[in-house]
Amino acid sequence: MKKKMSGIKIIRNIFWYIIVGTLSVLFVLPFIWMVSTAFKTAPQCVDYPPTFIPRPFTLRSFTEVFSISPMLMYIKNSIIIVALNIFGTLISCSLVAYGFSRFRCKEKNIWFTILLSTMMIPSFTLIIPQFSLYTKLGWVNTILPLVIPTFFATNAFSVFILRQFFMSFPMELDEAARLDGCSYLGVFVRILLPNSKTVMFVVALFCFVGAWNDFFGPLIYLNDMEKYTLAVGLVMLKASQGSTLDMGPMMAGSLLAVVPTFILYLTCQKYFVQGVVTSGLKG
C-alpha cells in the first residue's frame, strides 16, 4: 500500500513539474527573444523562420540606439527620480510606521485601516484631480509630481511592511530608552533604525522597481523630451522607428531598461521574498 501511494506521489510530482516547466518556458521565452534580437544584425531580425542564436554576434543595435535616441539622458532622468523616490519613501514611511507601531492611541487602528484602504483605490481614478492640483501649483512638466508625494508617506504598502516589522520589537526597549532620557525620535533613530536595515533595504527594492518601471506618471506630467524617463523614452524610440522591421535597436533599448531590475532580482531575491514574509507578520 505504501509503495502504491509512493508511486502516485511520484507521478503527481512529475505532472506538476511538467506544468511548471512548461509555464516557465512560456514566461521566459519573450525575454530570451528580446536578448537574442538585441545582438542580431538587421537581416537576421527579419529572418524567417526566426533563429534564437545570433550569427554573427554583434553590438550594432546598441550603437544605433544611442545614436538615434538620447538614451543616456533618459537613464540619468530615471536614476534621479528613482533615487529621490527611495529617499522620500524611506524617510516618510518609516516615521509613519513608527507612529503606528509604537504610540498608544484610541483611534490608531482606525487611521491605519483608512491608510490601508487607500491601496484599494485605483490610481487612475485620481489622475484628473491630481493633474488639476499640480497644474495650479505649476508642477506640470517638472519631476515634482513624481517625487514630492513620496515625502508624505503615500506608499501605504511600504508603511504596512515597516509597521509590521517594527511591531516585532518588544516595547521594553522603548521603555528602557525612555527611562534613560531618550526622546521618541531618539528611540526611532538609535534603536529601531539600526536594527531595521534589512526591511529598509526591502522597501528600497520595491520602491526602485516601481519607480524605474513607472510609465504612466512621467507620460502624464512630463512634456519635454529632455525630462523623459527611460520608460517613456522607449515609446518615443518606437515611434521614431516607424514601421521598420528591424527591431534590433528597440530590443537593445528594452534590454537596457530591464537589466537593472533583472540584476536586482537575481542578487536580492531573498530580500524580495523576505518582504512578502514580513508583510505577513502578526501585528
C-alpha atoms as a PDB file:
ATOM      1  CA  MET A   1       0.000   0.000   0.000  1.00  0.00           C
ATOM      2  CA  LYS A   2       2.858   2.356   0.879  1.00  0.00           C
ATOM      3  CA  LYS A   3       4.619   1.571  -2.396  1.00  0.00           C
ATOM      4  CA  LYS A   4       1.409   2.323  -4.297  1.00  0.00           C
ATOM      5  CA  MET A   5       0.982   5.665  -2.516  1.00  0.00           C
ATOM      6  CA  SER A   6       4.634   6.490  -3.142  1.00  0.00           C
ATOM      7  CA  GLY A   7       4.193   5.734  -6.869  1.00  0.00           C
ATOM      8  CA  ILE A   8       1.115   8.001  -7.053  1.00  0.00           C
ATOM      9  CA  LYS A   9       3.041  10.765  -5.312  1.00  0.00           C
ATOM     10  CA  ILE A  10       5.928  10.479  -7.776  1.00  0.00           C
ATOM     11  CA  ILE A  11       3.547  10.612 -10.748  1.00  0.00           C
ATOM     12  CA  ARG A  12       1.795  13.647  -9.258  1.00  0.00           C
ATOM     13  CA  ASN A  13       5.134  15.415  -8.736  1.00  0.00           C
ATOM     14  CA  ILE A  14       6.230  14.652 -12.293  1.00  0.00           C
ATOM     15  CA  PHE A  15       2.943  16.045 -13.601  1.00  0.00           C
ATOM     16  CA  TRP A  16       3.349  19.291 -11.677  1.00  0.00           C
ATOM     17  CA  TYR A  17       6.996  19.602 -12.733  1.00  0.00           C
ATOM     18  CA  ILE A  18       5.913  19.342 -16.365  1.00  0.00           C
ATOM     19  CA  ILE A  19       3.235  22.013 -15.862  1.00  0.00           C
ATOM     20  CA  VAL A  20       5.585  24.383 -14.034  1.00  0.00           C
ATOM     21  CA  GLY A  21       8.382  23.774 -16.549  1.00  0.00           C
ATOM     22  CA  THR A  22       6.088  24.486 -19.497  1.00  0.00           C
ATOM     23  CA  LEU A  23       4.768  27.704 -17.936  1.00  0.00           C
ATOM     24  CA  SER A  24       8.328  28.785 -17.083  1.00  0.00           C
ATOM     25  CA  VAL A  25       9.385  28.387 -20.712  1.00  0.00           C
ATOM     26  CA  LEU A  26       6.377  30.411 -21.891  1.00  0.00           C
ATOM     27  CA  PHE A  27       7.190  33.234 -19.464  1.00  0.00           C
ATOM     28  CA  VAL A  28      10.938  33.268 -20.207  1.00  0.00           C
ATOM     29  CA  LEU A  29      10.607  32.968 -23.992  1.00  0.00           C
ATOM     30  CA  PRO A  30       9.852  36.697 -24.640  1.00  0.00           C
ATOM     31  CA  PHE A  31      12.888  37.703 -22.577  1.00  0.00           C
ATOM     32  CA  ILE A  32      15.125  35.271 -24.457  1.00  0.00           C
ATOM     33  CA  TRP A  33      13.788  36.623 -27.751  1.00  0.00           C
ATOM     34  CA  MET A  34      14.495  40.211 -26.650  1.00  0.00           C
ATOM     35  CA  VAL A  35      18.087  39.374 -25.689  1.00  0.00           C
ATOM     36  CA  SER A  36      18.626  37.433 -28.904  1.00  0.00           C
ATOM     37  CA  THR A  37      17.243  40.190 -31.144  1.00  0.00           C
ATOM     38  CA  ALA A  38      19.331  42.852 -29.408  1.00  0.00           C
ATOM     39  CA  PHE A  39      22.525  41.144 -30.627  1.00  0.00           C
ATOM     40  CA  LYS A  40      21.412  40.298 -34.171  1.00  0.00           C
ATOM     41  CA  THR A  41      22.238  42.001 -37.438  1.00  0.00           C
ATOM     42  CA  ALA A  42      19.451  43.829 -39.291  1.00  0.00           C
ATOM     43  CA  PRO A  43      18.864  40.979 -41.828  1.00  0.00           C
ATOM     44  CA  GLN A  44      18.695  38.414 -39.019  1.00  0.00           C
ATOM     45  CA  CYS A  45      15.896  40.371 -37.310  1.00  0.00           C
ATOM     46  CA  VAL A  46      13.605  39.695 -40.267  1.00  0.00           C
ATOM     47  CA  ASP A  47      14.721  36.135 -40.998  1.00  0.00           C
ATOM     48  CA  TYR A  48      12.026  33.505 -41.407  1.00  0.00           C
ATOM     49  CA  PRO A  49      11.962  31.071 -39.757  1.00  0.00           C
ATOM     50  CA  PRO A  50      13.412  33.089 -36.883  1.00  0.00           C
ATOM     51  CA  THR A  51      16.557  31.993 -35.062  1.00  0.00           C
ATOM     52  CA  PHE A  52      17.369  32.457 -31.413  1.00  0.00           C
ATOM     53  CA  ILE A  53      21.163  32.374 -31.658  1.00  0.00           C
ATOM     54  CA  PRO A  54      22.682  35.477 -33.318  1.00  0.00           C
ATOM     55  CA  ARG A  55      25.193  34.580 -36.037  1.00  0.00           C
ATOM     56  CA  PRO A  56      27.231  36.688 -36.148  1.00  0.00           C
ATOM     57  CA  PHE A  57      27.040  38.180 -32.663  1.00  0.00           C
ATOM     58  CA  THR A  58      27.017  41.992 -32.997  1.00  0.00           C
ATOM     59  CA  LEU A  59      26.587  45.110 -30.852  1.00  0.00           C
ATOM     60  CA  ARG A  60      25.324  47.266 -33.726  1.00  0.00           C
ATOM     61  CA  SER A  61      21.831  47.587 -32.139  1.00  0.00           C
ATOM     62  CA  PHE A  62      23.290  49.243 -29.031  1.00  0.00           C
ATOM     63  CA  THR A  63      25.374  51.583 -31.162  1.00  0.00           C
ATOM     64  CA  GLU A  64      22.329  52.572 -33.199  1.00  0.00           C
ATOM     65  CA  VAL A  65      20.017  53.054 -30.223  1.00  0.00           C
ATOM     66  CA  PHE A  66      22.453  55.520 -28.620  1.00  0.00           C
ATOM     67  CA  SER A  67      22.887  57.358 -31.917  1.00  0.00           C
ATOM     68  CA  ILE A  68      19.185  57.777 -32.753  1.00  0.00           C
ATOM     69  CA  SER A  69      17.902  58.341 -29.205  1.00  0.00           C
ATOM     70  CA  PRO A  70      19.296  60.198 -26.127  1.00  0.00           C
ATOM     71  CA  MET A  71      19.290  57.036 -24.012  1.00  0.00           C
ATOM     72  CA  LEU A  72      21.924  58.311 -21.572  1.00  0.00           C
ATOM     73  CA  MET A  73      19.723  61.316 -20.807  1.00  0.00           C
ATOM     74  CA  TYR A  74      16.697  59.068 -20.257  1.00  0.00           C
ATOM     75  CA  ILE A  75      18.721  56.810 -17.961  1.00  0.00           C
ATOM     76  CA  LYS A  76      20.019  59.805 -15.981  1.00  0.00           C
ATOM     77  CA  ASN A  77      16.482  61.181 -15.536  1.00  0.00           C
ATOM     78  CA  SER A  78      15.232  57.791 -14.370  1.00  0.00           C
ATOM     79  CA  ILE A  79      18.067  57.432 -11.862  1.00  0.00           C
ATOM     80  CA  ILE A  80      17.364  60.882 -10.382  1.00  0.00           C
ATOM     81  CA  ILE A  81      13.652  60.183  -9.975  1.00  0.00           C
ATOM     82  CA  VAL A  82      14.265  56.700  -8.562  1.00  0.00           C
ATOM     83  CA  ALA A  83      16.842  57.973  -6.043  1.00  0.00           C
ATOM     84  CA  LEU A  84      14.523  60.730  -4.793  1.00  0.00           C
ATOM     85  CA  ASN A  85      11.607  58.275  -4.587  1.00  0.00           C
ATOM     86  CA  ILE A  86      13.629  55.867  -2.468  1.00  0.00           C
ATOM     87  CA  PHE A  87      14.911  58.659  -0.210  1.00  0.00           C
ATOM     88  CA  GLY A  88      11.456  60.167   0.322  1.00  0.00           C
ATOM     89  CA  THR A  89       9.770  56.815   0.857  1.00  0.00           C
ATOM     90  CA  LEU A  90      12.280  55.575   3.418  1.00  0.00           C
ATOM     91  CA  ILE A  91      12.119  58.762   5.475  1.00  0.00           C
ATOM     92  CA  SER A  92       8.370  59.392   5.462  1.00  0.00           C
ATOM     93  CA  CYS A  93       7.089  55.807   5.551  1.00  0.00           C
ATOM     94  CA  SER A  94       9.449  54.775   8.357  1.00  0.00           C
ATOM     95  CA  LEU A  95       8.311  57.713  10.507  1.00  0.00           C
ATOM     96  CA  VAL A  96       4.631  56.959   9.907  1.00  0.00           C
ATOM     97  CA  ALA A  97       5.190  53.257  10.537  1.00  0.00           C
ATOM     98  CA  TYR A  98       6.986  54.102  13.781  1.00  0.00           C
ATOM     99  CA  GLY A  99       3.987  56.082  14.960  1.00  0.00           C
ATOM    100  CA  PHE A 100       1.524  53.331  14.102  1.00  0.00           C
ATOM    101  CA  SER A 101       3.647  50.633  15.753  1.00  0.00           C
ATOM    102  CA  ARG A 102       4.776  52.300  18.984  1.00  0.00           C
ATOM    103  CA  PHE A 103       2.350  55.053  20.004  1.00  0.00           C
ATOM    104  CA  ARG A 104      -0.756  54.230  22.030  1.00  0.00           C
ATOM    105  CA  CYS A 105      -3.843  55.975  20.667  1.00  0.00           C
ATOM    106  CA  LYS A 106      -7.515  55.020  20.746  1.00  0.00           C
ATOM    107  CA  GLU A 107      -8.073  55.925  17.088  1.00  0.00           C
ATOM    108  CA  LYS A 108      -4.773  54.424  15.851  1.00  0.00           C
ATOM    109  CA  ASN A 109      -6.293  51.294  14.337  1.00  0.00           C
ATOM    110  CA  ILE A 110      -8.989  53.319  12.602  1.00  0.00           C
ATOM    111  CA  TRP A 111      -6.415  55.573  10.941  1.00  0.00           C
ATOM    112  CA  PHE A 112      -4.296  52.574   9.998  1.00  0.00           C
ATOM    113  CA  THR A 113      -7.322  50.914   8.393  1.00  0.00           C
ATOM    114  CA  ILE A 114      -8.027  54.094   6.437  1.00  0.00           C
ATOM    115  CA  LEU A 115      -4.399  54.137   5.300  1.00  0.00           C
ATOM    116  CA  LEU A 116      -4.562  50.538   4.089  1.00  0.00           C
ATOM    117  CA  SER A 117      -7.886  51.164   2.358  1.00  0.00           C
ATOM    118  CA  THR A 118      -6.147  53.644   0.052  1.00  0.00           C
ATOM    119  CA  MET A 119      -4.380  50.659  -1.528  1.00  0.00           C
ATOM    120  CA  MET A 120      -7.743  49.548  -2.940  1.00  0.00           C
ATOM    121  CA  ILE A 121      -8.377  52.854  -4.752  1.00  0.00           C
ATOM    122  CA  PRO A 122      -7.421  52.566  -8.450  1.00  0.00           C
ATOM    123  CA  SER A 123      -4.691  55.099  -9.142  1.00  0.00           C
ATOM    124  CA  PHE A 124      -6.270  56.044 -12.475  1.00  0.00           C
ATOM    125  CA  THR A 125      -9.302  57.492 -10.693  1.00  0.00           C
ATOM    126  CA  LEU A 126      -7.039  60.089  -9.046  1.00  0.00           C
ATOM    127  CA  ILE A 127      -5.310  61.267 -12.216  1.00  0.00           C
ATOM    128  CA  ILE A 128      -7.706  64.133 -13.042  1.00  0.00           C
ATOM    129  CA  PRO A 129      -7.820  65.746  -9.556  1.00  0.00           C
ATOM    130  CA  GLN A 130      -4.071  65.260  -9.128  1.00  0.00           C
ATOM    131  CA  PHE A 131      -3.306  66.738 -12.532  1.00  0.00           C
ATOM    132  CA  SER A 132      -5.545  69.741 -11.770  1.00  0.00           C
ATOM    133  CA  LEU A 133      -3.795  70.276  -8.435  1.00  0.00           C
ATOM    134  CA  TYR A 134      -0.300  70.027  -9.913  1.00  0.00           C
ATOM    135  CA  THR A 135      -1.279  72.361 -12.759  1.00  0.00           C
ATOM    136  CA  LYS A 136      -2.373  75.034 -10.270  1.00  0.00           C
ATOM    137  CA  LEU A 137       0.873  74.553  -8.352  1.00  0.00           C
ATOM    138  CA  GLY A 138       2.874  74.916 -11.557  1.00  0.00           C
ATOM    139  CA  TRP A 139       4.444  71.484 -11.166  1.00  0.00           C
ATOM    140  CA  VAL A 140       3.472  70.051 -14.558  1.00  0.00           C
ATOM    141  CA  ASN A 141       6.463  69.375 -16.816  1.00  0.00           C
ATOM    142  CA  THR A 142       8.702  69.008 -13.763  1.00  0.00           C
ATOM    143  CA  ILE A 143       9.709  65.954 -11.746  1.00  0.00           C
ATOM    144  CA  LEU A 144       7.973  67.337  -8.632  1.00  0.00           C
ATOM    145  CA  PRO A 145       4.680  65.387  -9.104  1.00  0.00           C
ATOM    146  CA  LEU A 146       6.758  62.202  -9.402  1.00  0.00           C
ATOM    147  CA  VAL A 147       8.889  62.901  -6.328  1.00  0.00           C
ATOM    148  CA  ILE A 148       7.243  65.176  -3.750  1.00  0.00           C
ATOM    149  CA  PRO A 149       4.328  62.814  -2.849  1.00  0.00           C
ATOM    150  CA  THR A 150       6.823  60.172  -1.698  1.00  0.00           C
ATOM    151  CA  PHE A 151       7.939  62.525   1.083  1.00  0.00           C
ATOM    152  CA  PHE A 152       4.403  62.367   2.550  1.00  0.00           C
ATOM    153  CA  ALA A 153       4.165  58.584   3.054  1.00  0.00           C
ATOM    154  CA  THR A 154       1.820  57.991   0.115  1.00  0.00           C
ATOM    155  CA  ASN A 155       3.110  54.423  -0.267  1.00  0.00           C
ATOM    156  CA  ALA A 156       0.737  52.561   2.041  1.00  0.00           C
ATOM    157  CA  PHE A 157       2.340  49.192   1.296  1.00  0.00           C
ATOM    158  CA  SER A 158       5.754  50.418   2.487  1.00  0.00           C
ATOM    159  CA  VAL A 159       4.167  51.812   5.655  1.00  0.00           C
ATOM    160  CA  PHE A 160       2.484  48.450   6.218  1.00  0.00           C
ATOM    161  CA  ILE A 161       5.713  46.442   5.814  1.00  0.00           C
ATOM    162  CA  LEU A 162       7.689  48.753   8.096  1.00  0.00           C
ATOM    163  CA  ARG A 163       4.930  48.863  10.705  1.00  0.00           C
ATOM    164  CA  GLN A 164       4.733  45.061  10.792  1.00  0.00           C
ATOM    165  CA  PHE A 165       8.487  44.841  11.279  1.00  0.00           C
ATOM    166  CA  PHE A 166       8.581  47.499  13.999  1.00  0.00           C
ATOM    167  CA  MET A 167       5.806  45.650  15.840  1.00  0.00           C
ATOM    168  CA  SER A 168       8.188  42.701  16.280  1.00  0.00           C
ATOM    169  CA  PHE A 169      10.420  44.773  18.601  1.00  0.00           C
ATOM    170  CA  PRO A 170       9.446  44.485  22.276  1.00  0.00           C
ATOM    171  CA  MET A 171       8.090  47.651  23.857  1.00  0.00           C
ATOM    172  CA  GLU A 172      10.503  47.148  26.754  1.00  0.00           C
ATOM    173  CA  LEU A 173      13.283  48.521  24.533  1.00  0.00           C
ATOM    174  CA  ASP A 174      11.406  51.781  24.138  1.00  0.00           C
ATOM    175  CA  GLU A 175      10.604  51.984  27.829  1.00  0.00           C
ATOM    176  CA  ALA A 176      14.218  51.374  28.834  1.00  0.00           C
ATOM    177  CA  ALA A 177      15.426  54.038  26.410  1.00  0.00           C
ATOM    178  CA  ARG A 178      12.802  56.495  27.668  1.00  0.00           C
ATOM    179  CA  LEU A 179      13.924  55.907  31.260  1.00  0.00           C
ATOM    180  CA  ASP A 180      17.470  56.774  30.186  1.00  0.00           C
ATOM    181  CA  GLY A 181      16.210  60.110  28.888  1.00  0.00           C
ATOM    182  CA  CYS A 182      15.899  59.226  25.204  1.00  0.00           C
ATOM    183  CA  SER A 183      13.197  61.063  23.245  1.00  0.00           C
ATOM    184  CA  TYR A 184      10.698  59.382  20.945  1.00  0.00           C
ATOM    185  CA  LEU A 185      12.749  60.469  17.948  1.00  0.00           C
ATOM    186  CA  GLY A 186      15.880  59.201  19.687  1.00  0.00           C
ATOM    187  CA  VAL A 187      14.296  55.780  20.169  1.00  0.00           C
ATOM    188  CA  PHE A 188      13.452  55.724  16.480  1.00  0.00           C
ATOM    189  CA  VAL A 189      16.901  56.816  15.291  1.00  0.00           C
ATOM    190  CA  ARG A 190      19.093  54.989  17.819  1.00  0.00           C
ATOM    191  CA  ILE A 191      17.202  51.744  18.409  1.00  0.00           C
ATOM    192  CA  LEU A 192      14.726  50.889  15.655  1.00  0.00           C
ATOM    193  CA  LEU A 193      16.511  52.150  12.543  1.00  0.00           C
ATOM    194  CA  PRO A 194      19.903  50.496  13.230  1.00  0.00           C
ATOM    195  CA  ASN A 195      18.104  47.161  13.653  1.00  0.00           C
ATOM    196  CA  SER A 196      15.870  47.624  10.600  1.00  0.00           C
ATOM    197  CA  LYS A 197      18.454  47.759   7.811  1.00  0.00           C
ATOM    198  CA  THR A 198      17.115  44.626   6.156  1.00  0.00           C
ATOM    199  CA  VAL A 199      13.481  45.735   5.972  1.00  0.00           C
ATOM    200  CA  MET A 200      14.552  49.225   4.856  1.00  0.00           C
ATOM    201  CA  PHE A 201      16.516  47.590   2.054  1.00  0.00           C
ATOM    202  CA  VAL A 202      13.420  45.567   1.123  1.00  0.00           C
ATOM    203  CA  VAL A 203      11.310  48.736   0.943  1.00  0.00           C
ATOM    204  CA  ALA A 204      14.007  50.404  -1.171  1.00  0.00           C
ATOM    205  CA  LEU A 205      13.965  47.455  -3.578  1.00  0.00           C
ATOM    206  CA  PHE A 206      10.202  47.593  -4.066  1.00  0.00           C
ATOM    207  CA  CYS A 207      10.377  51.368  -4.450  1.00  0.00           C
ATOM    208  CA  PHE A 208      13.152  51.069  -7.051  1.00  0.00           C
ATOM    209  CA  VAL A 209      11.198  48.577  -9.141  1.00  0.00           C
ATOM    210  CA  GLY A 210       8.029  50.673  -9.006  1.00  0.00           C
ATOM    211  CA  ALA A 211       9.714  53.987  -9.851  1.00  0.00           C
ATOM    212  CA  TRP A 212      12.038  52.550 -12.513  1.00  0.00           C
ATOM    213  CA  ASN A 213       9.199  50.829 -14.370  1.00  0.00           C
ATOM    214  CA  ASP A 214       6.710  53.694 -13.967  1.00  0.00           C
ATOM    215  CA  PHE A 215       5.444  54.777 -17.374  1.00  0.00           C
ATOM    216  CA  PHE A 216       2.091  56.440 -16.816  1.00  0.00           C
ATOM    217  CA  GLY A 217       3.262  59.093 -14.338  1.00  0.00           C
ATOM    218  CA  PRO A 218       6.125  60.509 -16.442  1.00  0.00           C
ATOM    219  CA  LEU A 219       3.956  60.309 -19.558  1.00  0.00           C
ATOM    220  CA  ILE A 220       1.251  62.461 -17.937  1.00  0.00           C
ATOM    221  CA  TYR A 221       3.357  65.055 -16.150  1.00  0.00           C
ATOM    222  CA  LEU A 222       6.427  65.447 -18.402  1.00  0.00           C
ATOM    223  CA  ASN A 223       6.202  67.231 -21.760  1.00  0.00           C
ATOM    224  CA  ASP A 224       9.795  67.971 -22.765  1.00  0.00           C
ATOM    225  CA  MET A 225      11.921  65.202 -24.243  1.00  0.00           C
ATOM    226  CA  GLU A 226      14.868  66.350 -22.121  1.00  0.00           C
ATOM    227  CA  LYS A 227      12.912  65.329 -18.992  1.00  0.00           C
ATOM    228  CA  TYR A 228      11.621  61.932 -20.153  1.00  0.00           C
ATOM    229  CA  THR A 229      12.461  58.797 -18.202  1.00  0.00           C
ATOM    230  CA  LEU A 230      13.689  55.604 -19.820  1.00  0.00           C
ATOM    231  CA  ALA A 231      10.216  54.036 -19.861  1.00  0.00           C
ATOM    232  CA  VAL A 232       8.771  56.960 -21.848  1.00  0.00           C
ATOM    233  CA  GLY A 233      11.923  57.219 -23.960  1.00  0.00           C
ATOM    234  CA  LEU A 234      11.422  53.672 -25.217  1.00  0.00           C
ATOM    235  CA  VAL A 235       7.968  54.584 -26.517  1.00  0.00           C
ATOM    236  CA  MET A 236       9.444  57.632 -28.258  1.00  0.00           C
ATOM    237  CA  LEU A 237      12.103  55.360 -29.753  1.00  0.00           C
ATOM    238  CA  LYS A 238       9.418  53.034 -31.101  1.00  0.00           C
ATOM    239  CA  ALA A 239       7.573  55.992 -32.625  1.00  0.00           C
ATOM    240  CA  SER A 240      10.755  57.245 -34.288  1.00  0.00           C
ATOM    241  CA  GLN A 241      11.377  53.795 -35.766  1.00  0.00           C
ATOM    242  CA  GLY A 242       8.048  53.891 -37.572  1.00  0.00           C
ATOM    243  CA  SER A 243       7.077  50.694 -39.390  1.00  0.00           C
ATOM    244  CA  THR A 244      10.609  49.360 -39.776  1.00  0.00           C
ATOM    245  CA  LEU A 245      11.042  45.620 -39.382  1.00  0.00           C
ATOM    246  CA  ASP A 246      14.462  45.998 -37.786  1.00  0.00           C
ATOM    247  CA  MET A 247      13.623  45.560 -34.106  1.00  0.00           C
ATOM    248  CA  GLY A 248      17.263  45.382 -33.016  1.00  0.00           C
ATOM    249  CA  PRO A 249      17.575  48.946 -31.614  1.00  0.00           C
ATOM    250  CA  MET A 250      14.198  48.681 -29.890  1.00  0.00           C
ATOM    251  CA  MET A 251      15.162  45.394 -28.244  1.00  0.00           C
ATOM    252  CA  ALA A 252      18.534  46.846 -27.239  1.00  0.00           C
ATOM    253  CA  GLY A 253      16.798  49.781 -25.530  1.00  0.00           C
ATOM    254  CA  SER A 254      14.344  47.431 -23.831  1.00  0.00           C
ATOM    255  CA  LEU A 255      17.219  45.287 -22.597  1.00  0.00           C
ATOM    256  CA  LEU A 256      18.875  48.353 -21.065  1.00  0.00           C
ATOM    257  CA  ALA A 257      15.620  49.082 -19.220  1.00  0.00           C
ATOM    258  CA  VAL A 258      15.200  45.509 -17.983  1.00  0.00           C
ATOM    259  CA  VAL A 259      18.785  44.739 -16.938  1.00  0.00           C
ATOM    260  CA  PRO A 260      18.830  46.784 -13.665  1.00  0.00           C
ATOM    261  CA  THR A 261      15.639  45.153 -12.383  1.00  0.00           C
ATOM    262  CA  PHE A 262      16.808  41.730 -13.577  1.00  0.00           C
ATOM    263  CA  ILE A 263      20.151  42.060 -11.791  1.00  0.00           C
ATOM    264  CA  LEU A 264      18.409  43.272  -8.630  1.00  0.00           C
ATOM    265  CA  TYR A 265      16.100  40.274  -8.657  1.00  0.00           C
ATOM    266  CA  LEU A 266      18.947  37.799  -9.186  1.00  0.00           C
ATOM    267  CA  THR A 267      21.145  39.282  -6.457  1.00  0.00           C
ATOM    268  CA  CYS A 268      18.440  40.262  -3.972  1.00  0.00           C
ATOM    269  CA  GLN A 269      15.824  37.568  -4.485  1.00  0.00           C
ATOM    270  CA  LYS A 270      15.862  36.572  -0.822  1.00  0.00           C
ATOM    271  CA  TYR A 271      15.047  40.155   0.165  1.00  0.00           C
ATOM    272  CA  PHE A 272      12.017  40.253  -2.151  1.00  0.00           C
ATOM    273  CA  VAL A 273      10.784  37.036  -0.532  1.00  0.00           C
ATOM    274  CA  GLN A 274      11.547  38.439   2.915  1.00  0.00           C
ATOM    275  CA  GLY A 275       9.451  41.494   2.091  1.00  0.00           C
ATOM    276  CA  VAL A 276       6.463  39.285   1.389  1.00  0.00           C
ATOM    277  CA  VAL A 277       7.071  37.273   4.558  1.00  0.00           C
ATOM    278  CA  THR A 278       7.490  40.425   6.649  1.00  0.00           C
ATOM    279  CA  SER A 279       4.157  41.761   5.415  1.00  0.00           C
ATOM    280  CA  GLY A 280       2.510  38.671   6.907  1.00  0.00           C
ATOM    281  CA  LEU A 281       3.868  39.098  10.413  1.00  0.00           C
ATOM    282  CA  LYS A 282       1.219  39.251  13.092  1.00  0.00           C
ATOM    283  CA  GLY A 283       0.609  42.847  14.222  1.00  0.00           C
END
